[in-house]
Structures are given as C-alpha cells and as structure tokens.
ModelCIF file with pLDDT and N, C-alpha, C, O atoms, coordinates in Angstrom:
data_MODEL
#
_entry.id   MODEL 
#
_entity.id                         1 
_entity.type                       polymer 
_entity.pdbx_number_of_molecules   1 
#
_entity_poly.entity_id                      1 
_entity_poly.type                           'polypeptide(L)' 
_entity_poly.nstd_linkage                   no 
_entity_poly.nstd_monomer                   no 
_entity_poly.pdbx_seq_one_letter_code       FKVSKKLNRWYDHGAGKGGNVIDLICLINGTSVKE 
_entity_poly.pdbx_seq_one_letter_code_can   FKVSKKLNRWYDHGAGKGGNVIDLICLINGTSVKE 
_entity_poly.pdbx_strand_id                 A 
#
loop_
_entity_poly_seq.entity_id 
_entity_poly_seq.num 
_entity_poly_seq.mon_id 
_entity_poly_seq.hetero 
1 1  PHE n 
1 2  LYS n 
1 3  VAL n 
1 4  SER n 
1 5  LYS n 
1 6  LYS n 
1 7  LEU n 
1 8  ASN n 
1 9  ARG n 
1 10 TRP n 
1 11 TYR n 
1 12 ASP n 
1 13 HIS n 
1 14 GLY n 
1 15 ALA n 
1 16 GLY n 
1 17 LYS n 
1 18 GLY n 
1 19 GLY n 
1 20 ASN n 
1 21 VAL n 
1 22 ILE n 
1 23 ASP n 
1 24 LEU n 
1 25 ILE n 
1 26 CYS n 
1 27 LEU n 
1 28 ILE n 
1 29 ASN n 
1 30 GLY n 
1 31 THR n 
1 32 SER n 
1 33 VAL n 
1 34 LYS n 
1 35 GLU n 
#
_struct_asym.id          A 
_struct_asym.entity_id   1 
#
loop_
_ma_qa_metric.id 
_ma_qa_metric.mode 
_ma_qa_metric.name 
_ma_qa_metric.software_group_id 
_ma_qa_metric.type 
1 global pLDDT . pLDDT 
2 local  pLDDT . pLDDT 
#
_ma_qa_metric_global.metric_id      1 
_ma_qa_metric_global.metric_value   87.29 
_ma_qa_metric_global.model_id       1 
_ma_qa_metric_global.ordinal_id     1 
#
loop_
_ma_qa_metric_local.label_asym_id 
_ma_qa_metric_local.label_comp_id 
_ma_qa_metric_local.label_seq_id 
_ma_qa_metric_local.metric_id 
_ma_qa_metric_local.metric_value 
_ma_qa_metric_local.model_id 
_ma_qa_metric_local.ordinal_id 
A PHE 1  2 92.00 1 1  
A LYS 2  2 94.00 1 2  
A VAL 3  2 95.00 1 3  
A SER 4  2 95.00 1 4  
A LYS 5  2 92.00 1 5  
A LYS 6  2 91.00 1 6  
A LEU 7  2 94.00 1 7  
A ASN 8  2 93.00 1 8  
A ARG 9  2 95.00 1 9  
A TRP 10 2 95.00 1 10 
A TYR 11 2 94.00 1 11 
A ASP 12 2 90.00 1 12 
A HIS 13 2 89.00 1 13 
A GLY 14 2 83.00 1 14 
A ALA 15 2 81.00 1 15 
A GLY 16 2 86.00 1 16 
A LYS 17 2 88.00 1 17 
A GLY 18 2 92.00 1 18 
A GLY 19 2 92.00 1 19 
A ASN 20 2 93.00 1 20 
A VAL 21 2 91.00 1 21 
A ILE 22 2 89.00 1 22 
A ASP 23 2 89.00 1 23 
A LEU 24 2 90.00 1 24 
A ILE 25 2 85.00 1 25 
A CYS 26 2 84.00 1 26 
A LEU 27 2 83.00 1 27 
A ILE 28 2 77.00 1 28 
A ASN 29 2 70.00 1 29 
A GLY 30 2 71.00 1 30 
A THR 31 2 74.00 1 31 
A SER 32 2 80.00 1 32 
A VAL 33 2 85.00 1 33 
A LYS 34 2 84.00 1 34 
A GLU 35 2 79.00 1 35 
#
loop_
_atom_site.group_PDB 
_atom_site.id 
_atom_site.type_symbol 
_atom_site.label_atom_id 
_atom_site.label_alt_id 
_atom_site.label_comp_id 
_atom_site.label_asym_id 
_atom_site.label_entity_id 
_atom_site.label_seq_id 
_atom_site.pdbx_PDB_ins_code 
_atom_site.Cartn_x 
_atom_site.Cartn_y 
_atom_site.Cartn_z 
_atom_site.occupancy 
_atom_site.B_iso_or_equiv 
_atom_site.pdbx_formal_charge 
_atom_site.auth_seq_id 
_atom_site.auth_comp_id 
_atom_site.auth_asym_id 
_atom_site.auth_atom_id 
_atom_site.pdbx_PDB_model_num 
ATOM 1   N N  . PHE A 1 1  ? 0.860   -1.185 0.000  1.00 92.00 ? 1  PHE A N  1 
ATOM 2   C CA . PHE A 1 1  ? 0.000   0.000  0.000  1.00 92.00 ? 1  PHE A CA 1 
ATOM 3   C C  . PHE A 1 1  ? 0.898   1.237  0.000  1.00 92.00 ? 1  PHE A C  1 
ATOM 4   O O  . PHE A 1 1  ? 1.603   1.510  0.972  1.00 92.00 ? 1  PHE A O  1 
ATOM 5   N N  . LYS A 1 2  ? 0.860   1.974  -1.102 1.00 94.00 ? 2  LYS A N  1 
ATOM 6   C CA . LYS A 1 2  ? 1.773   3.109  -1.283 1.00 94.00 ? 2  LYS A CA 1 
ATOM 7   C C  . LYS A 1 2  ? 1.040   4.439  -1.142 1.00 94.00 ? 2  LYS A C  1 
ATOM 8   O O  . LYS A 1 2  ? -0.071  4.606  -1.646 1.00 94.00 ? 2  LYS A O  1 
ATOM 9   N N  . VAL A 1 3  ? 1.677   5.378  -0.452 1.00 95.00 ? 3  VAL A N  1 
ATOM 10  C CA . VAL A 1 3  ? 1.156   6.734  -0.335 1.00 95.00 ? 3  VAL A CA 1 
ATOM 11  C C  . VAL A 1 3  ? 2.177   7.699  -0.925 1.00 95.00 ? 3  VAL A C  1 
ATOM 12  O O  . VAL A 1 3  ? 3.328   7.738  -0.490 1.00 95.00 ? 3  VAL A O  1 
ATOM 13  N N  . SER A 1 4  ? 1.756   8.468  -1.905 1.00 95.00 ? 4  SER A N  1 
ATOM 14  C CA . SER A 1 4  ? 2.595   9.520  -2.481 1.00 95.00 ? 4  SER A CA 1 
ATOM 15  C C  . SER A 1 4  ? 2.422   10.781 -1.647 1.00 95.00 ? 4  SER A C  1 
ATOM 16  O O  . SER A 1 4  ? 1.334   11.355 -1.605 1.00 95.00 ? 4  SER A O  1 
ATOM 17  N N  . LYS A 1 5  ? 3.476   11.209 -0.991 1.00 92.00 ? 5  LYS A N  1 
ATOM 18  C CA . LYS A 1 5  ? 3.395   12.407 -0.163 1.00 92.00 ? 5  LYS A CA 1 
ATOM 19  C C  . LYS A 1 5  ? 3.237   13.663 -1.009 1.00 92.00 ? 5  LYS A C  1 
ATOM 20  O O  . LYS A 1 5  ? 2.567   14.614 -0.607 1.00 92.00 ? 5  LYS A O  1 
ATOM 21  N N  . LYS A 1 6  ? 3.858   13.658 -2.181 1.00 91.00 ? 6  LYS A N  1 
ATOM 22  C CA . LYS A 1 6  ? 3.798   14.825 -3.064 1.00 91.00 ? 6  LYS A CA 1 
ATOM 23  C C  . LYS A 1 6  ? 2.396   15.028 -3.619 1.00 91.00 ? 6  LYS A C  1 
ATOM 24  O O  . LYS A 1 6  ? 1.882   16.147 -3.646 1.00 91.00 ? 6  LYS A O  1 
ATOM 25  N N  . LEU A 1 7  ? 1.779   13.926 -4.065 1.00 94.00 ? 7  LEU A N  1 
ATOM 26  C CA . LEU A 1 7  ? 0.447   14.008 -4.671 1.00 94.00 ? 7  LEU A CA 1 
ATOM 27  C C  . LEU A 1 7  ? -0.666  13.856 -3.639 1.00 94.00 ? 7  LEU A C  1 
ATOM 28  O O  . LEU A 1 7  ? -1.820  14.191 -3.907 1.00 94.00 ? 7  LEU A O  1 
ATOM 29  N N  . ASN A 1 8  ? -0.314  13.349 -2.459 1.00 93.00 ? 8  ASN A N  1 
ATOM 30  C CA . ASN A 1 8  ? -1.299  13.014 -1.428 1.00 93.00 ? 8  ASN A CA 1 
ATOM 31  C C  . ASN A 1 8  ? -2.364  12.069 -1.998 1.00 93.00 ? 8  ASN A C  1 
ATOM 32  O O  . ASN A 1 8  ? -3.567  12.304 -1.880 1.00 93.00 ? 8  ASN A O  1 
ATOM 33  N N  . ARG A 1 9  ? -1.875  11.006 -2.612 1.00 95.00 ? 9  ARG A N  1 
ATOM 34  C CA . ARG A 1 9  ? -2.739  9.960  -3.176 1.00 95.00 ? 9  ARG A CA 1 
ATOM 35  C C  . ARG A 1 9  ? -2.221  8.605  -2.701 1.00 95.00 ? 9  ARG A C  1 
ATOM 36  O O  . ARG A 1 9  ? -1.051  8.456  -2.351 1.00 95.00 ? 9  ARG A O  1 
ATOM 37  N N  . TRP A 1 10 ? -3.121  7.625  -2.698 1.00 95.00 ? 10 TRP A N  1 
ATOM 38  C CA . TRP A 1 10 ? -2.748  6.290  -2.280 1.00 95.00 ? 10 TRP A CA 1 
ATOM 39  C C  . TRP A 1 10 ? -3.055  5.287  -3.370 1.00 95.00 ? 10 TRP A C  1 
ATOM 40  O O  . TRP A 1 10 ? -3.922  5.516  -4.213 1.00 95.00 ? 10 TRP A O  1 
ATOM 41  N N  . TYR A 1 11 ? -2.333  4.163  -3.348 1.00 94.00 ? 11 TYR A N  1 
ATOM 42  C CA . TYR A 1 11 ? -2.614  3.081  -4.285 1.00 94.00 ? 11 TYR A CA 1 
ATOM 43  C C  . TYR A 1 11 ? -2.282  1.755  -3.616 1.00 94.00 ? 11 TYR A C  1 
ATOM 44  O O  . TYR A 1 11 ? -1.170  1.551  -3.129 1.00 94.00 ? 11 TYR A O  1 
ATOM 45  N N  . ASP A 1 12 ? -3.264  0.858  -3.598 1.00 90.00 ? 12 ASP A N  1 
ATOM 46  C CA . ASP A 1 12 ? -3.087  -0.477 -3.046 1.00 90.00 ? 12 ASP A CA 1 
ATOM 47  C C  . ASP A 1 12 ? -2.775  -1.418 -4.206 1.00 90.00 ? 12 ASP A C  1 
ATOM 48  O O  . ASP A 1 12 ? -3.666  -1.791 -4.968 1.00 90.00 ? 12 ASP A O  1 
ATOM 49  N N  . HIS A 1 13 ? -1.504  -1.798 -4.334 1.00 89.00 ? 13 HIS A N  1 
ATOM 50  C CA . HIS A 1 13 ? -1.080  -2.625 -5.465 1.00 89.00 ? 13 HIS A CA 1 
ATOM 51  C C  . HIS A 1 13 ? -1.716  -4.007 -5.428 1.00 89.00 ? 13 HIS A C  1 
ATOM 52  O O  . HIS A 1 13 ? -2.000  -4.590 -6.474 1.00 89.00 ? 13 HIS A O  1 
ATOM 53  N N  . GLY A 1 14 ? -1.941  -4.536 -4.222 1.00 83.00 ? 14 GLY A N  1 
ATOM 54  C CA . GLY A 1 14 ? -2.547  -5.859 -4.130 1.00 83.00 ? 14 GLY A CA 1 
ATOM 55  C C  . GLY A 1 14 ? -4.006  -5.876 -4.536 1.00 83.00 ? 14 GLY A C  1 
ATOM 56  O O  . GLY A 1 14 ? -4.494  -6.853 -5.103 1.00 83.00 ? 14 GLY A O  1 
ATOM 57  N N  . ALA A 1 15 ? -4.709  -4.769 -4.236 1.00 81.00 ? 15 ALA A N  1 
ATOM 58  C CA . ALA A 1 15 ? -6.135  -4.681 -4.573 1.00 81.00 ? 15 ALA A CA 1 
ATOM 59  C C  . ALA A 1 15 ? -6.370  -4.019 -5.917 1.00 81.00 ? 15 ALA A C  1 
ATOM 60  O O  . ALA A 1 15 ? -7.456  -4.134 -6.484 1.00 81.00 ? 15 ALA A O  1 
ATOM 61  N N  . GLY A 1 16 ? -5.354  -3.322 -6.437 1.00 86.00 ? 16 GLY A N  1 
ATOM 62  C CA . GLY A 1 16 ? -5.488  -2.652 -7.721 1.00 86.00 ? 16 GLY A CA 1 
ATOM 63  C C  . GLY A 1 16 ? -6.415  -1.450 -7.681 1.00 86.00 ? 16 GLY A C  1 
ATOM 64  O O  . GLY A 1 16 ? -7.118  -1.175 -8.653 1.00 86.00 ? 16 GLY A O  1 
ATOM 65  N N  . LYS A 1 17 ? -6.422  -0.730 -6.565 1.00 88.00 ? 17 LYS A N  1 
ATOM 66  C CA . LYS A 1 17 ? -7.277  0.447  -6.444 1.00 88.00 ? 17 LYS A CA 1 
ATOM 67  C C  . LYS A 1 17 ? -6.536  1.555  -5.711 1.00 88.00 ? 17 LYS A C  1 
ATOM 68  O O  . LYS A 1 17 ? -5.573  1.302  -4.988 1.00 88.00 ? 17 LYS A O  1 
ATOM 69  N N  . GLY A 1 18 ? -6.995  2.784  -5.907 1.00 92.00 ? 18 GLY A N  1 
ATOM 70  C CA . GLY A 1 18 ? -6.346  3.925  -5.260 1.00 92.00 ? 18 GLY A CA 1 
ATOM 71  C C  . GLY A 1 18 ? -7.285  5.111  -5.249 1.00 92.00 ? 18 GLY A C  1 
ATOM 72  O O  . GLY A 1 18 ? -8.436  5.010  -5.674 1.00 92.00 ? 18 GLY A O  1 
ATOM 73  N N  . GLY A 1 19 ? -6.788  6.242  -4.759 1.00 92.00 ? 19 GLY A N  1 
ATOM 74  C CA . GLY A 1 19 ? -7.616  7.438  -4.725 1.00 92.00 ? 19 GLY A CA 1 
ATOM 75  C C  . GLY A 1 19 ? -7.085  8.487  -3.775 1.00 92.00 ? 19 GLY A C  1 
ATOM 76  O O  . GLY A 1 19 ? -5.894  8.522  -3.467 1.00 92.00 ? 19 GLY A O  1 
ATOM 77  N N  . ASN A 1 20 ? -7.994  9.352  -3.308 1.00 93.00 ? 20 ASN A N  1 
ATOM 78  C CA . ASN A 1 20 ? -7.605  10.413 -2.386 1.00 93.00 ? 20 ASN A CA 1 
ATOM 79  C C  . ASN A 1 20 ? -7.957  10.027 -0.951 1.00 93.00 ? 20 ASN A C  1 
ATOM 80  O O  . ASN A 1 20 ? -8.413  8.913  -0.693 1.00 93.00 ? 20 ASN A O  1 
ATOM 81  N N  . VAL A 1 21 ? -7.742  10.950 -0.030 1.00 91.00 ? 21 VAL A N  1 
ATOM 82  C CA . VAL A 1 21 ? -7.939  10.628 1.377  1.00 91.00 ? 21 VAL A CA 1 
ATOM 83  C C  . VAL A 1 21 ? -9.415  10.377 1.714  1.00 91.00 ? 21 VAL A C  1 
ATOM 84  O O  . VAL A 1 21 ? -9.728  9.562  2.581  1.00 91.00 ? 21 VAL A O  1 
ATOM 85  N N  . ILE A 1 22 ? -10.311 11.077 1.028  1.00 89.00 ? 22 ILE A N  1 
ATOM 86  C CA . ILE A 1 22 ? -11.745 10.870 1.288  1.00 89.00 ? 22 ILE A CA 1 
ATOM 87  C C  . ILE A 1 22 ? -12.159 9.462  0.862  1.00 89.00 ? 22 ILE A C  1 
ATOM 88  O O  . ILE A 1 22 ? -12.874 8.768  1.585  1.00 89.00 ? 22 ILE A O  1 
ATOM 89  N N  . ASP A 1 23 ? -11.699 9.053  -0.322 1.00 89.00 ? 23 ASP A N  1 
ATOM 90  C CA . ASP A 1 23 ? -11.989 7.687  -0.790 1.00 89.00 ? 23 ASP A CA 1 
ATOM 91  C C  . ASP A 1 23 ? -11.481 6.657  0.212  1.00 89.00 ? 23 ASP A C  1 
ATOM 92  O O  . ASP A 1 23 ? -12.153 5.670  0.513  1.00 89.00 ? 23 ASP A O  1 
ATOM 93  N N  . LEU A 1 24 ? -10.279 6.909  0.721  1.00 90.00 ? 24 LEU A N  1 
ATOM 94  C CA . LEU A 1 24 ? -9.633  5.956  1.615  1.00 90.00 ? 24 LEU A CA 1 
ATOM 95  C C  . LEU A 1 24 ? -10.410 5.776  2.916  1.00 90.00 ? 24 LEU A C  1 
ATOM 96  O O  . LEU A 1 24 ? -10.676 4.647  3.330  1.00 90.00 ? 24 LEU A O  1 
ATOM 97  N N  . ILE A 1 25 ? -10.773 6.877  3.558  1.00 85.00 ? 25 ILE A N  1 
ATOM 98  C CA . ILE A 1 25 ? -11.489 6.793  4.833  1.00 85.00 ? 25 ILE A CA 1 
ATOM 99  C C  . ILE A 1 25 ? -12.863 6.159  4.641  1.00 85.00 ? 25 ILE A C  1 
ATOM 100 O O  . ILE A 1 25 ? -13.315 5.374  5.474  1.00 85.00 ? 25 ILE A O  1 
ATOM 101 N N  . CYS A 1 26 ? -13.515 6.503  3.548  1.00 84.00 ? 26 CYS A N  1 
ATOM 102 C CA . CYS A 1 26 ? -14.820 5.891  3.260  1.00 84.00 ? 26 CYS A CA 1 
ATOM 103 C C  . CYS A 1 26 ? -14.696 4.370  3.139  1.00 84.00 ? 26 CYS A C  1 
ATOM 104 O O  . CYS A 1 26 ? -15.534 3.626  3.648  1.00 84.00 ? 26 CYS A O  1 
ATOM 105 N N  . LEU A 1 27 ? -13.639 3.921  2.460  1.00 83.00 ? 27 LEU A N  1 
ATOM 106 C CA . LEU A 1 27 ? -13.448 2.491  2.251  1.00 83.00 ? 27 LEU A CA 1 
ATOM 107 C C  . LEU A 1 27 ? -13.087 1.767  3.542  1.00 83.00 ? 27 LEU A C  1 
ATOM 108 O O  . LEU A 1 27 ? -13.633 0.705  3.839  1.00 83.00 ? 27 LEU A O  1 
ATOM 109 N N  . ILE A 1 28 ? -12.160 2.349  4.313  1.00 77.00 ? 28 ILE A N  1 
ATOM 110 C CA . ILE A 1 28 ? -11.700 1.687  5.538  1.00 77.00 ? 28 ILE A CA 1 
ATOM 111 C C  . ILE A 1 28 ? -12.839 1.544  6.546  1.00 77.00 ? 28 ILE A C  1 
ATOM 112 O O  . ILE A 1 28 ? -13.025 0.484  7.144  1.00 77.00 ? 28 ILE A O  1 
ATOM 113 N N  . ASN A 1 29 ? -13.599 2.631  6.727  1.00 70.00 ? 29 ASN A N  1 
ATOM 114 C CA . ASN A 1 29 ? -14.614 2.640  7.775  1.00 70.00 ? 29 ASN A CA 1 
ATOM 115 C C  . ASN A 1 29 ? -16.028 2.343  7.289  1.00 70.00 ? 29 ASN A C  1 
ATOM 116 O O  . ASN A 1 29 ? -16.944 2.193  8.098  1.00 70.00 ? 29 ASN A O  1 
ATOM 117 N N  . GLY A 1 30 ? -16.211 2.258  5.970  1.00 71.00 ? 30 GLY A N  1 
ATOM 118 C CA . GLY A 1 30 ? -17.546 2.018  5.447  1.00 71.00 ? 30 GLY A CA 1 
ATOM 119 C C  . GLY A 1 30 ? -18.491 3.173  5.727  1.00 71.00 ? 30 GLY A C  1 
ATOM 120 O O  . GLY A 1 30 ? -19.689 2.967  5.916  1.00 71.00 ? 30 GLY A O  1 
ATOM 121 N N  . THR A 1 31 ? -17.958 4.381  5.756  1.00 74.00 ? 31 THR A N  1 
ATOM 122 C CA . THR A 1 31 ? -18.750 5.561  6.081  1.00 74.00 ? 31 THR A CA 1 
ATOM 123 C C  . THR A 1 31 ? -19.081 6.361  4.826  1.00 74.00 ? 31 THR A C  1 
ATOM 124 O O  . THR A 1 31 ? -18.474 6.170  3.772  1.00 74.00 ? 31 THR A O  1 
ATOM 125 N N  . SER A 1 32 ? -20.038 7.247  4.955  1.00 80.00 ? 32 SER A N  1 
ATOM 126 C CA . SER A 1 32 ? -20.429 8.112  3.854  1.00 80.00 ? 32 SER A CA 1 
ATOM 127 C C  . SER A 1 32 ? -19.429 9.248  3.698  1.00 80.00 ? 32 SER A C  1 
ATOM 128 O O  . SER A 1 32 ? -18.612 9.497  4.584  1.00 80.00 ? 32 SER A O  1 
ATOM 129 N N  . VAL A 1 33 ? -19.503 9.934  2.563  1.00 85.00 ? 33 VAL A N  1 
ATOM 130 C CA . VAL A 1 33 ? -18.640 11.089 2.345  1.00 85.00 ? 33 VAL A CA 1 
ATOM 131 C C  . VAL A 1 33 ? -18.909 12.153 3.405  1.00 85.00 ? 33 VAL A C  1 
ATOM 132 O O  . VAL A 1 33 ? -17.975 12.788 3.897  1.00 85.00 ? 33 VAL A O  1 
ATOM 133 N N  . LYS A 1 34 ? -20.161 12.350 3.755  1.00 84.00 ? 34 LYS A N  1 
ATOM 134 C CA . LYS A 1 34 ? -20.520 13.356 4.753  1.00 84.00 ? 34 LYS A CA 1 
ATOM 135 C C  . LYS A 1 34 ? -19.879 13.052 6.108  1.00 84.00 ? 34 LYS A C  1 
ATOM 136 O O  . LYS A 1 34 ? -19.329 13.945 6.753  1.00 84.00 ? 34 LYS A O  1 
ATOM 137 N N  . GLU A 1 35 ? -19.954 11.773 6.543  1.00 79.00 ? 35 GLU A N  1 
ATOM 138 C CA . GLU A 1 35 ? -19.349 11.383 7.817  1.00 79.00 ? 35 GLU A CA 1 
ATOM 139 C C  . GLU A 1 35 ? -17.830 11.542 7.780  1.00 79.00 ? 35 GLU A C  1 
ATOM 140 O O  . GLU A 1 35 ? -17.155 11.259 8.770  1.00 79.00 ? 35 GLU A O  1 
#
C-alpha cells in the first residue's frame, strides 16, 4: 500500500485500487462522504 506524499494519493497494489484521502477513509470505515 503506497502513499505519495507529493500528490497526497494512495494506491493499493494488491487490490489494484487507489484514490484520495476521502476515498480511503470511506473504504476503511464504510462511512459516507458526509461522515
């Protein structure tokens, strides 16, 4: 699981998915964008 500090983006090579911090927190916690 790689985090680019310059771009502030993440990519999970094992899962083949990535995104920004909002995407990440939503995925980890199963929460809505609002939460």
